[in-house]
Every structure is written in structure tokens, then in C-alpha cells.
């Protein structure tokens, strides 16, 4: 018990140090005045330093809230002392509710930031010639044809052979691509909503650049390497169009058959 009291006293002193030292120069002077005489002193300092590192990480994590709910160092250090005495004053339920509130606030802020960035991106694309195509649920994609194509418009029951590149609309990170590989055989009716909608505007020979918001892509959950709430840019080059899967397979087998 004496050791725990000593540690708690040390933590309390550290708390006072944080409060008393209001500037970085004062804090630096205070830490430089510490003398580590023995190996026990060095170990004690290391324990405190590592605790401080973890505390700093938590503060930085919560700073994304714009300091709306800043970390109180005094309370944080008292929580650490409570752990030493195994005497928590916060129930698991209260802790869960607090964590949930912070997480929801973070998600809401991210949605707001993403929505603003999405609007700005859409405006830029519209200014560069992209056309808006509205889906059934009111959400829309943007598309710019670089080559018109010929024949009938692709149906959801068709099978298409395409070169396709899928990347982040935010930073251009490529998630999947057939460029330099074999084209992909797709059924537009089985693609995610935004891509299905894009195919419904294309023909054999069409080439298009498409912007697809996350609500018409992979939603908040994401899929595979694609994070949740990710707006996509898709480049499509429609090579062939068939009305049935059997027709598609037959043509591909004939094309790939060794001469």
C-alpha cells in the first residue's frame, strides 16, 4: 500500500506540474531539472514517460473534435491513480456511453467534412463537362463520355467485356484495375448500384470517366481494400456486349482458342 501511495503522490505532483507550467519553455525547464541518480530513478522516469506518451496520443486523437471536448489532464491522471488503487468511479455502462458519444461525434464530423469535399468535387467535375445521372433513390453519379460507342444501350441482363479502373475520388488511390491485364467480364445487373447506373448509359465501344458517391458504391461498410464512405472514380472502356452469358463464354472461348 505504501508503494501505491508513493506512486499516487508522484502522479499528483505530475498533475500539479502540468497546471503550474503554462508554457513549453517552463515545462522544458522543469523536466530538465529532474536528476536520475539510480537505475530505479531511470525506471520510474521511463514508466512516467511512457504513460505520458499514451496520454498525448489520446489527447491528439480527441483533438479532431476541434477541442469541443478537450482532455482534462487532472482527471486523466486521477483516473490512472484510481487504477492503481483498483477503485474506479466510472461504471462500464457510463464509460461505454461516453465512448459511444465521442465515436458518434467523430463520425458526424467526418460525414460533414466528406459531404463538403464531395460537393466541391462534384462542382469541379461539372465545370469540366461531367453530366449528372440520377438513380432511382435520388442519389446521382457524374459521367463524362470520352468516346460515344455504337449500337444498343447496355441492359442490366447483358454481359460486357470491359477494361475497368477503380480508384478513390479523394486521393486517386487505385483499388482495382484491369489496365495491362485481361479485360473483365461483367453483368451490369450484378454490379454495385453506381456502376450499374453507369452501364445503363453506355454502348459497345463507349469510354467514360465516372464519379460515384459512396452511397451508390460500397456504403459506410466498404468492401475489401475500399474503406467505408469512399467516393469512387471509375474509368470504363466497353470492349464487347453480349445478350447472354452463354454467348459471351462461347465468343471468349473462340477468341482464346489456340490457332
Protein backbone atom coordinates (compact mmCIF):
# COMPACT_ATOMS: atom_id res chain seq x y z
CA UNK A 1 0.00 0.00 0.00
CA UNK A 2 2.89 2.36 0.80
CA UNK A 3 4.23 1.90 -2.74
CA UNK A 4 0.85 2.71 -4.25
CA UNK A 5 0.57 5.81 -2.08
CA UNK A 6 4.01 6.92 -3.21
CA UNK A 7 3.10 6.39 -6.86
CA UNK A 8 -0.18 8.23 -6.42
CA UNK A 9 1.71 11.10 -4.79
CA UNK A 10 4.12 11.13 -7.73
CA UNK A 11 1.18 11.27 -10.16
CA UNK A 12 -0.44 14.05 -8.15
CA UNK A 13 2.81 16.00 -8.31
CA UNK A 14 2.93 15.47 -12.06
CA UNK A 15 -0.58 16.86 -12.30
CA UNK A 16 0.47 19.98 -10.40
CA UNK A 17 3.45 20.29 -12.72
CA UNK A 18 1.14 20.33 -15.76
CA UNK A 19 -1.03 23.02 -14.20
CA UNK A 20 1.84 25.16 -12.93
CA UNK A 21 3.87 25.13 -16.14
CA UNK A 22 1.78 27.08 -18.61
CA UNK A 23 4.40 27.46 -21.35
CA UNK A 24 6.57 24.97 -23.21
CA UNK A 25 9.74 26.73 -22.00
CA UNK A 26 8.66 26.40 -18.35
CA UNK A 27 7.80 22.73 -18.89
CA UNK A 28 11.16 22.07 -20.54
CA UNK A 29 12.98 23.78 -17.66
CA UNK A 30 11.03 21.72 -15.12
CA UNK A 31 11.81 18.40 -16.82
CA UNK A 32 15.48 19.31 -17.26
CA UNK A 33 15.75 19.84 -13.50
CA UNK A 34 14.99 16.15 -12.85
CA UNK A 35 18.07 14.19 -11.72
CA UNK A 36 18.11 10.45 -12.30
CA UNK A 37 20.59 9.09 -9.79
CA UNK A 38 19.84 5.38 -9.62
CA UNK A 39 18.57 2.72 -12.00
CA UNK A 40 15.30 2.81 -10.05
CA UNK A 41 15.04 6.53 -10.85
CA UNK A 42 15.56 5.81 -14.53
CA UNK A 43 12.93 3.06 -14.47
CA UNK A 44 10.47 5.33 -12.65
CA UNK A 45 11.05 8.09 -15.18
CA UNK A 46 10.56 5.64 -18.08
CA UNK A 47 7.22 4.49 -16.63
CA UNK A 48 6.06 8.07 -16.37
CA UNK A 49 7.37 8.95 -19.82
CA UNK A 50 5.58 6.04 -21.48
CA UNK A 51 2.37 6.92 -19.66
CA UNK A 52 2.77 10.49 -20.92
CA UNK A 53 3.23 9.25 -24.49
CA UNK A 54 -0.01 7.27 -24.33
CA UNK A 55 -1.81 10.23 -22.78
CA UNK A 56 -0.52 12.51 -25.53
CA UNK A 57 -1.80 10.09 -28.20
CA UNK A 58 -5.25 10.11 -26.62
CA UNK A 59 -5.25 13.91 -26.48
CA UNK A 60 -4.26 14.16 -30.15
CA UNK A 61 -6.99 11.64 -31.05
CA UNK A 62 -9.61 13.76 -29.31
CA UNK A 63 -8.27 16.99 -30.81
CA UNK A 64 -10.03 16.07 -34.06
CA UNK A 65 -13.20 17.15 -32.30
CA UNK A 66 -11.89 20.70 -32.55
CA UNK A 67 -11.32 20.82 -28.78
CA UNK A 68 -15.07 20.74 -28.25
CA UNK A 69 -14.41 18.12 -25.55
CA UNK A 70 -10.72 18.58 -24.65
CA UNK A 71 -8.98 16.09 -22.38
CA UNK A 72 -8.68 17.25 -18.75
CA UNK A 73 -5.19 16.22 -17.63
CA UNK A 74 -6.07 16.39 -13.93
CA UNK A 75 -9.00 13.99 -14.37
CA UNK A 76 -6.95 11.71 -16.64
CA UNK A 77 -4.19 11.43 -14.02
CA UNK A 78 -6.73 10.80 -11.24
CA UNK A 79 -8.16 8.01 -13.37
CA UNK A 80 -4.68 6.49 -13.56
CA UNK A 81 -4.41 6.75 -9.75
CA UNK A 82 -7.81 5.06 -9.40
CA UNK A 83 -6.48 2.15 -11.43
CA UNK A 84 -3.55 1.78 -9.03
CA UNK A 85 -5.96 1.52 -6.11
CA UNK A 86 -8.39 -0.64 -8.14
CA UNK A 87 -11.13 1.81 -7.23
CA UNK A 88 -12.81 3.05 -10.43
CA UNK A 89 -15.52 5.66 -10.02
CA UNK A 90 -16.91 5.21 -13.55
CA UNK A 91 -19.16 2.26 -14.34
CA UNK A 92 -18.72 0.19 -17.50
CA UNK A 93 -22.06 1.50 -18.71
CA UNK A 94 -21.07 5.16 -18.21
CA UNK A 95 -17.73 4.52 -19.93
CA UNK A 96 -19.47 2.83 -22.88
CA UNK A 97 -21.92 5.74 -23.21
CA UNK A 98 -19.06 8.28 -23.13
CA UNK A 99 -17.08 6.35 -25.73
CA UNK A 100 -20.15 6.00 -27.93
CA UNK A 101 -20.81 9.73 -27.71
CA UNK A 102 -17.23 10.55 -28.76
CA UNK A 103 -17.28 7.99 -31.60
CA UNK A 104 -20.61 9.31 -32.89
CA UNK A 105 -19.28 12.88 -32.74
CA UNK A 106 -16.21 11.81 -34.73
CA UNK A 107 -18.38 10.05 -37.32
CA UNK A 108 -20.67 13.05 -37.63
CA UNK A 109 -17.74 15.40 -38.15
CA UNK A 110 -16.24 13.07 -40.75
CA UNK A 111 -19.57 12.85 -42.59
CA UNK A 112 -19.79 16.65 -42.60
CA UNK A 113 -16.23 17.01 -43.90
CA UNK A 114 -16.73 14.28 -46.52
CA UNK A 115 -20.01 15.83 -47.65
CA UNK A 116 -18.36 19.22 -48.11
CA UNK A 117 -15.44 17.66 -50.03
CA UNK A 118 -17.91 15.66 -52.16
CA UNK A 119 -19.88 18.77 -53.11
CA UNK A 120 -16.67 20.60 -54.06
CA UNK A 121 -15.52 17.62 -56.14
CA UNK A 122 -18.87 17.39 -57.95
CA UNK A 123 -18.81 21.10 -58.76
CA UNK A 124 -15.30 20.78 -60.20
CA UNK A 125 -16.32 17.81 -62.36
CA UNK A 126 -19.50 19.50 -63.62
CA UNK A 127 -17.43 22.52 -64.59
CA UNK A 128 -15.16 20.22 -66.62
CA UNK A 129 -18.05 18.70 -68.62
CA UNK A 130 -19.37 15.82 -66.48
CA UNK A 131 -23.13 15.15 -66.74
CA UNK A 132 -25.27 14.22 -63.74
CA UNK A 133 -27.25 10.97 -63.97
CA UNK A 134 -29.85 10.39 -61.27
CA UNK A 135 -30.60 6.95 -59.86
CA UNK A 136 -33.88 5.54 -58.57
CA UNK A 137 -33.23 6.52 -54.93
CA UNK A 138 -32.48 10.17 -55.71
CA UNK A 139 -28.69 9.81 -55.48
CA UNK A 140 -26.73 10.51 -58.65
CA UNK A 141 -23.45 9.80 -60.42
CA UNK A 142 -21.46 12.06 -62.73
CA UNK A 143 -20.21 10.85 -66.11
CA UNK A 144 -18.08 12.19 -68.93
CA UNK A 145 -18.01 10.26 -72.21
CA UNK A 146 -14.65 10.30 -73.93
CA UNK A 147 -15.93 8.04 -76.73
CA UNK A 148 -19.59 7.62 -77.70
CA UNK A 149 -19.89 3.97 -78.71
CA UNK A 150 -22.35 2.37 -81.15
CA UNK A 151 -25.35 0.08 -81.11
CA UNK A 152 -27.95 -0.51 -78.39
CA UNK A 153 -27.66 0.85 -74.88
CA UNK A 154 -26.43 -1.78 -72.42
CA UNK A 155 -29.16 -3.58 -70.43
CA UNK A 156 -28.89 -4.98 -66.91
CA UNK A 157 -29.24 -8.52 -68.31
CA UNK A 158 -26.38 -8.14 -70.80
CA UNK A 159 -22.81 -9.33 -70.33
CA UNK A 160 -19.99 -6.91 -71.10
CA UNK A 161 -16.24 -7.21 -71.57
CA UNK A 162 -14.57 -4.11 -70.16
CA UNK A 163 -11.34 -2.52 -69.11
CA UNK A 164 -12.09 -1.01 -65.72
CA UNK A 165 -10.11 1.05 -63.23
CA UNK A 166 -11.49 1.73 -59.75
CA UNK A 167 -9.87 4.41 -57.59
CA UNK A 168 -10.51 6.83 -54.74
CA UNK A 169 -12.06 10.12 -55.82
CA UNK A 170 -10.33 11.78 -52.87
CA UNK A 171 -6.66 10.89 -53.40
CA UNK A 172 -6.56 8.81 -56.61
CA UNK A 173 -5.51 5.58 -54.87
CA UNK A 174 -6.17 2.66 -57.23
CA UNK A 175 -8.19 -0.16 -55.65
CA UNK A 176 -8.56 -2.40 -58.70
CA UNK A 177 -7.65 -2.24 -62.38
CA UNK A 178 -7.62 -4.41 -65.50
CA UNK A 179 -5.33 -1.98 -67.34
CA UNK A 180 -2.44 -4.00 -68.76
CA UNK A 181 -4.28 -7.23 -67.87
CA UNK A 182 -7.15 -9.25 -69.28
CA UNK A 183 -10.45 -7.30 -69.61
CA UNK A 184 -13.16 -8.26 -67.11
CA UNK A 185 -16.44 -9.99 -67.97
CA UNK A 186 -19.29 -8.32 -66.05
CA UNK A 187 -23.04 -8.49 -65.76
CA UNK A 188 -24.21 -4.87 -65.19
CA UNK A 189 -27.19 -6.08 -63.17
CA UNK A 190 -24.88 -7.67 -60.59
CA UNK A 191 -22.56 -4.68 -60.13
CA UNK A 192 -22.85 -2.15 -57.30
CA UNK A 193 -25.54 0.50 -57.85
CA UNK A 194 -23.41 3.33 -59.22
CA UNK A 195 -21.64 1.11 -61.74
CA UNK A 196 -24.91 -0.48 -62.88
CA UNK A 197 -26.31 3.01 -63.42
CA UNK A 198 -23.24 3.98 -65.45
CA UNK A 199 -23.54 0.90 -67.69
CA UNK A 200 -27.18 1.80 -68.43
CA UNK A 201 -25.89 4.90 -70.25
CA UNK A 202 -23.22 3.17 -72.34
CA UNK A 203 -22.92 1.15 -75.55
CA UNK A 204 -20.36 -1.14 -77.15
CA UNK A 205 -17.22 0.94 -77.74
CA UNK A 206 -18.10 3.56 -75.13
CA UNK A 207 -15.33 5.01 -72.99
CA UNK A 208 -16.25 7.00 -69.92
CA UNK A 209 -14.96 8.57 -66.73
CA UNK A 210 -17.42 8.24 -63.86
CA UNK A 211 -17.72 9.73 -60.38
CA UNK A 212 -19.71 7.54 -57.97
CA UNK A 213 -20.59 8.76 -54.43
CA UNK A 214 -20.16 6.23 -51.62
CA UNK A 215 -23.94 5.86 -51.15
CA UNK A 216 -24.06 4.29 -54.65
CA UNK A 217 -20.79 2.41 -54.17
CA UNK A 218 -19.93 0.34 -51.09
CA UNK A 219 -21.67 2.39 -48.40
CA UNK A 220 -20.39 3.04 -44.91
CA UNK A 221 -19.06 -0.51 -44.54
CA UNK A 222 -16.77 -0.54 -47.59
CA UNK A 223 -15.53 -3.75 -49.17
CA UNK A 224 -12.10 -5.39 -49.37
CA UNK A 225 -9.43 -2.71 -49.82
CA UNK A 226 -12.08 0.01 -50.25
CA UNK A 227 -12.77 1.83 -46.95
CA UNK A 228 -16.29 2.77 -45.92
CA UNK A 229 -17.79 6.06 -47.14
CA UNK A 230 -15.37 6.22 -50.09
CA UNK A 231 -16.39 8.14 -53.22
CA UNK A 232 -15.06 6.43 -56.34
CA UNK A 233 -13.74 7.41 -59.74
CA UNK A 234 -14.22 4.70 -62.36
CA UNK A 235 -12.76 4.59 -65.86
CA UNK A 236 -14.61 2.25 -68.24
CA UNK A 237 -13.81 1.04 -71.75
CA UNK A 238 -16.57 -1.24 -73.10
CA UNK A 239 -14.94 -3.76 -75.47
CA UNK A 240 -17.85 -6.13 -76.22
CA UNK A 241 -21.52 -6.58 -75.35
CA UNK A 242 -23.48 -9.88 -75.41
CA UNK A 243 -27.12 -10.55 -74.54
CA UNK A 244 -26.49 -13.87 -72.74
CA UNK A 245 -23.75 -15.41 -70.64
CA UNK A 246 -23.60 -18.44 -72.94
CA UNK A 247 -22.98 -16.18 -75.94
CA UNK A 248 -20.25 -14.35 -74.07
CA UNK A 249 -18.48 -17.53 -72.99
CA UNK A 250 -18.71 -19.03 -76.47
CA UNK A 251 -17.17 -15.94 -78.09
CA UNK A 252 -14.41 -15.71 -75.49
CA UNK A 253 -13.55 -19.40 -75.84
CA UNK A 254 -13.34 -18.98 -79.62
CA UNK A 255 -11.15 -15.90 -79.27
CA UNK A 256 -8.78 -17.55 -76.77
CA UNK A 257 -8.61 -20.89 -78.59
CA UNK A 258 -5.04 -21.63 -79.78
CA UNK A 259 -4.66 -21.46 -83.57
